[in-house]
C-alpha atoms as a PDB file:
ATOM      1  CA  MET A   1     102.605  90.576 100.864  1.00  0.00           C
ATOM      2  CA  ALA A   2     103.710  93.142 103.415  1.00  0.00           C
ATOM      3  CA  TYR A   3     105.068  93.278 106.930  1.00  0.00           C
ATOM      4  CA  CYS A   4     103.585  95.026 109.946  1.00  0.00           C
ATOM      5  CA  CYS A   5     105.711  95.292 113.099  1.00  0.00           C
ATOM      6  CA  GLY A   6     107.784  92.393 111.807  1.00  0.00           C
ATOM      7  CA  ALA A   7     104.831  90.050 111.161  1.00  0.00           C
ATOM      8  CA  ARG A   8     103.966  88.929 107.645  1.00  0.00           C
ATOM      9  CA  LYS A   9     100.553  90.159 106.514  1.00  0.00           C
ATOM     10  CA  THR A  10      98.466  88.976 103.585  1.00  0.00           C
ATOM     11  CA  ILE A  11      97.272  92.427 102.498  1.00  0.00           C
ATOM     12  CA  SER A  12      99.298  93.734  99.592  1.00  0.00           C
ATOM     13  CA  PRO A  13     100.218  97.432  99.892  1.00  0.00           C
ATOM     14  CA  SER A  14      99.009  97.933  96.331  1.00  0.00           C
ATOM     15  CA  VAL A  15      95.420  97.042  97.346  1.00  0.00           C
ATOM     16  CA  LEU A  16      95.292  98.819 100.705  1.00  0.00           C
ATOM     17  CA  PRO A  17      92.386 101.176 101.259  1.00  0.00           C
ATOM     18  CA  GLU A  18      93.057 104.906 101.249  1.00  0.00           C
ATOM     19  CA  LEU A  19      94.607 106.266 104.435  1.00  0.00           C
ATOM     20  CA  ASN A  20      91.623 107.887 106.151  1.00  0.00           C
ATOM     21  CA  VAL A  21      89.671 107.533 109.394  1.00  0.00           C
ATOM     22  CA  ALA A  22      86.897 105.340 107.973  1.00  0.00           C
ATOM     23  CA  SER A  23      89.231 102.809 106.358  1.00  0.00           C
ATOM     24  CA  ALA A  24      91.467 102.682 109.445  1.00  0.00           C
ATOM     25  CA  LEU A  25      88.535 101.969 111.759  1.00  0.00           C
ATOM     26  CA  MET A  26      87.108  99.409 109.309  1.00  0.00           C
ATOM     27  CA  LEU A  27      90.401  97.490 109.254  1.00  0.00           C
ATOM     28  CA  ALA A  28      90.614  97.538 113.066  1.00  0.00           C
ATOM     29  CA  ALA A  29      87.093  96.121 113.328  1.00  0.00           C
ATOM     30  CA  LYS A  30      87.818  93.515 110.656  1.00  0.00           C
ATOM     31  CA  ALA A  31      90.905  92.424 112.633  1.00  0.00           C
ATOM     32  CA  GLY A  32      88.774  92.079 115.775  1.00  0.00           C
ATOM     33  CA  GLN A  33      90.762  94.790 117.567  1.00  0.00           C
ATOM     34  CA  PRO A  34      89.342  97.542 119.791  1.00  0.00           C
ATOM     35  CA  GLN A  35      88.960 100.698 117.729  1.00  0.00           C
ATOM     36  CA  ALA A  36      90.592 103.994 118.639  1.00  0.00           C
ATOM     37  CA  ASP A  37      88.481 107.133 118.994  1.00  0.00           C
ATOM     38  CA  ARG A  38      87.889 108.952 115.664  1.00  0.00           C
ATOM     39  CA  MET A  39      89.717 112.087 116.856  1.00  0.00           C
ATOM     40  CA  LEU A  40      92.700 109.982 117.920  1.00  0.00           C
ATOM     41  CA  VAL A  41      92.811 108.302 114.518  1.00  0.00           C
ATOM     42  CA  GLU A  42      92.748 111.709 112.803  1.00  0.00           C
ATOM     43  CA  LYS A  43      95.673 112.888 114.943  1.00  0.00           C
ATOM     44  CA  ARG A  44      97.650 109.717 114.247  1.00  0.00           C
ATOM     45  CA  ILE A  45      97.142 110.083 110.501  1.00  0.00           C
ATOM     46  CA  MET A  46      98.245 113.716 110.692  1.00  0.00           C
ATOM     47  CA  PHE A  47     101.428 112.786 112.576  1.00  0.00           C
ATOM     48  CA  CYS A  48     102.216 109.934 110.179  1.00  0.00           C
ATOM     49  CA  LYS A  49     101.761 112.084 107.077  1.00  0.00           C
ATOM     50  CA  LYS A  50     104.243 114.631 108.473  1.00  0.00           C
ATOM     51  CA  CYS A  51     106.780 111.989 109.562  1.00  0.00           C
ATOM     52  CA  PRO A  52     110.025 111.567 107.563  1.00  0.00           C
ATOM     53  CA  TYR A  53     109.592 107.769 107.754  1.00  0.00           C
ATOM     54  CA  PHE A  54     106.157 107.812 106.102  1.00  0.00           C
ATOM     55  CA  ASN A  55     106.197 106.360 102.576  1.00  0.00           C
ATOM     56  CA  LEU A  56     103.465 108.328 100.821  1.00  0.00           C
ATOM     57  CA  GLU A  57     103.404 106.134  97.698  1.00  0.00           C
ATOM     58  CA  GLN A  58     102.622 102.944  99.621  1.00  0.00           C
ATOM     59  CA  SER A  59     101.247 104.379 102.899  1.00  0.00           C
ATOM     60  CA  LEU A  60     103.866 102.393 104.787  1.00  0.00           C
ATOM     61  CA  CYS A  61     106.101 103.309 107.693  1.00  0.00           C
ATOM     62  CA  ASN A  62     109.710 102.955 106.545  1.00  0.00           C
ATOM     63  CA  ARG A  63     110.816 102.668 110.186  1.00  0.00           C
ATOM     64  CA  CYS A  64     108.782  99.599 111.248  1.00  0.00           C
ATOM     65  CA  GLY A  65     107.371  98.467 107.897  1.00  0.00           C
ATOM     66  CA  CYS A  66     103.768  98.762 109.080  1.00  0.00           C
ATOM     67  CA  MET A  67     100.823  99.414 106.839  1.00  0.00           C
ATOM     68  CA  VAL A  68      99.804 102.718 108.410  1.00  0.00           C
ATOM     69  CA  VAL A  69      96.105 102.419 107.559  1.00  0.00           C
ATOM     70  CA  ALA A  70      95.983  99.026 109.295  1.00  0.00           C
ATOM     71  CA  LYS A  71      97.657 100.378 112.426  1.00  0.00           C
ATOM     72  CA  VAL A  72      96.288 103.859 113.221  1.00  0.00           C
ATOM     73  CA  GLY A  73      92.713 102.678 113.848  1.00  0.00           C
ATOM     74  CA  LYS A  74      93.626 100.150 116.527  1.00  0.00           C
ATOM     75  CA  GLU A  75      93.317 101.437 120.075  1.00  0.00           C
ATOM     76  CA  ARG A  76      96.338  99.612 121.505  1.00  0.00           C
ATOM     77  CA  GLU A  77      98.845 100.311 118.715  1.00  0.00           C
ATOM     78  CA  PHE A  78     101.711 102.760 118.999  1.00  0.00           C
ATOM     79  CA  CYS A  79     104.244 104.488 116.810  1.00  0.00           C
ATOM     80  CA  PRO A  80     107.741 102.897 116.945  1.00  0.00           C
ATOM     81  CA  ILE A  81     109.338 106.344 117.340  1.00  0.00           C
ATOM     82  CA  ARG A  82     106.642 107.542 119.777  1.00  0.00           C
ATOM     83  CA  ARG A  83     105.112 110.226 117.554  1.00  0.00           C
ATOM     84  CA  TRP A  84     101.686 109.018 118.752  1.00  0.00           C
END
């Protein structure tokens, strides 16, 4: 069980797909959300990986608690500290 922007999610961080463009877009589609452009997703991933709040071991944001791979592929999502 994990949290994303304060909401409880059923995906366990230990079984999350790898943080990459394909898995991010797949999760956005599976959630029924509009998908971000591939280039935008790549930029978001790059910013997250360089961020001091990014938890590399679990691919989580330590600032908002979001599962990064589940967030970066959604068109209408945003970073809580406005990095993207």
